[in-house]
Amino acid sequence: MIMGRYSIPVWQMIVQTINSDSLSKKYLTIPEINKLVRESFSDENVNPRTIGLQTIFHCVNHPQNKHGGGLHESNPLFETNGSGGFRLIKK
């Protein structure tokens, strides 16, 4: 059995962290998402760069996402407002 570095995938950490009613519709910057995830999963010591890259990878309209967000239908989809903010659009 192959064990990952973290107990759950980083994208799941992001979703669990921002899936609350107060945050789910709000655009958050990557530094804000980093802070929230690292607070919620403090025992995991998640690399902030990984959080940012996972957010961009799953973003349907980010210009740096060359893979096209949503390659995996079961994974969440984020969108960006074009000004550095991201929000969850599919859980």
Protein backbone atom coordinates (compact mmCIF):
# COMPACT_ATOMS: atom_id res chain seq x y z
CA MET A 1 0.00 0.00 0.00
CA ILE A 2 1.36 3.40 -0.99
CA MET A 3 0.93 6.10 1.62
CA GLY A 4 0.70 9.73 0.62
CA ARG A 5 2.47 12.52 2.36
CA TYR A 6 -0.77 13.78 3.91
CA SER A 7 -3.73 11.95 5.43
CA ILE A 8 -6.04 13.18 2.64
CA PRO A 9 -5.35 14.88 -0.71
CA VAL A 10 -4.56 18.58 -0.43
CA TRP A 11 -7.51 19.52 -2.66
CA GLN A 12 -9.80 17.78 -0.15
CA MET A 13 -8.24 19.83 2.66
CA ILE A 14 -9.00 22.99 0.68
CA VAL A 15 -12.61 21.95 0.07
CA GLN A 16 -13.20 20.96 3.70
CA THR A 17 -11.72 24.25 4.87
CA ILE A 18 -13.66 26.61 2.59
CA ASN A 19 -16.88 24.59 2.35
CA SER A 20 -18.56 26.44 5.21
CA ASP A 21 -21.55 28.64 4.48
CA SER A 22 -19.60 31.79 5.35
CA LEU A 23 -16.71 31.03 2.96
CA SER A 24 -18.17 28.93 0.14
CA LYS A 25 -19.41 31.87 -1.96
CA LYS A 26 -16.60 34.27 -1.09
CA TYR A 27 -13.53 34.79 -3.28
CA LEU A 28 -10.38 34.07 -1.29
CA THR A 29 -6.78 34.76 -2.26
CA ILE A 30 -4.24 31.96 -2.24
CA PRO A 31 -2.54 33.42 0.87
CA GLU A 32 -5.94 33.41 2.62
CA ILE A 33 -6.60 29.82 1.53
CA ASN A 34 -3.10 28.84 2.70
CA LYS A 35 -3.68 30.36 6.12
CA LEU A 36 -7.08 28.71 6.56
CA VAL A 37 -5.91 25.26 5.42
CA ARG A 38 -2.77 25.39 7.56
CA GLU A 39 -4.88 26.39 10.58
CA SER A 40 -7.47 23.67 9.94
CA PHE A 41 -4.85 20.99 9.27
CA SER A 42 -2.04 22.21 11.51
CA ASP A 43 -0.85 18.68 12.28
CA GLU A 44 -0.29 17.99 8.56
CA ASN A 45 2.29 20.75 7.97
CA VAL A 46 1.00 21.28 4.43
CA ASN A 47 3.37 23.01 2.05
CA PRO A 48 1.85 26.42 1.10
CA ARG A 49 3.08 26.03 -2.48
CA THR A 50 1.18 22.75 -2.78
CA ILE A 51 -2.02 24.44 -1.63
CA GLY A 52 -1.62 27.19 -4.22
CA LEU A 53 -0.77 24.77 -7.02
CA GLN A 54 -3.72 22.51 -6.21
CA THR A 55 -6.06 25.51 -6.20
CA ILE A 56 -4.81 26.60 -9.62
CA PHE A 57 -4.83 23.06 -11.04
CA HIS A 58 -8.52 22.66 -10.17
CA CYS A 59 -9.46 26.15 -11.38
CA VAL A 60 -11.51 26.11 -14.58
CA ASN A 61 -10.60 29.61 -15.76
CA HIS A 62 -7.11 30.35 -14.43
CA PRO A 63 -4.72 31.44 -17.22
CA GLN A 64 -1.83 29.39 -15.78
CA ASN A 65 -3.85 26.17 -15.73
CA LYS A 66 -2.65 24.47 -18.87
CA HIS A 67 -4.30 21.19 -17.91
CA GLY A 68 -7.87 22.46 -17.99
CA GLY A 69 -9.61 22.40 -14.65
CA GLY A 70 -11.95 19.52 -14.12
CA LEU A 71 -10.02 16.73 -15.77
CA HIS A 72 -11.37 14.51 -13.04
CA GLU A 73 -15.12 14.89 -12.66
CA SER A 74 -15.07 13.69 -9.06
CA ASN A 75 -12.68 16.47 -8.06
CA PRO A 76 -13.80 19.96 -7.05
CA LEU A 77 -13.71 22.88 -9.39
CA PHE A 78 -12.66 26.39 -8.47
CA GLU A 79 -13.03 29.60 -10.41
CA THR A 80 -11.04 32.80 -10.23
CA ASN A 81 -12.35 36.34 -10.47
CA GLY A 82 -9.25 37.38 -12.42
CA SER A 83 -8.02 39.51 -9.53
CA GLY A 84 -6.37 36.79 -7.46
CA GLY A 85 -9.52 35.49 -5.78
CA PHE A 86 -10.72 31.89 -5.92
CA ARG A 87 -13.96 30.23 -4.88
CA LEU A 88 -15.38 26.75 -4.95
CA ILE A 89 -17.98 26.19 -7.69
CA LYS A 90 -18.35 22.40 -7.49
CA LYS A 91 -18.03 20.26 -4.40
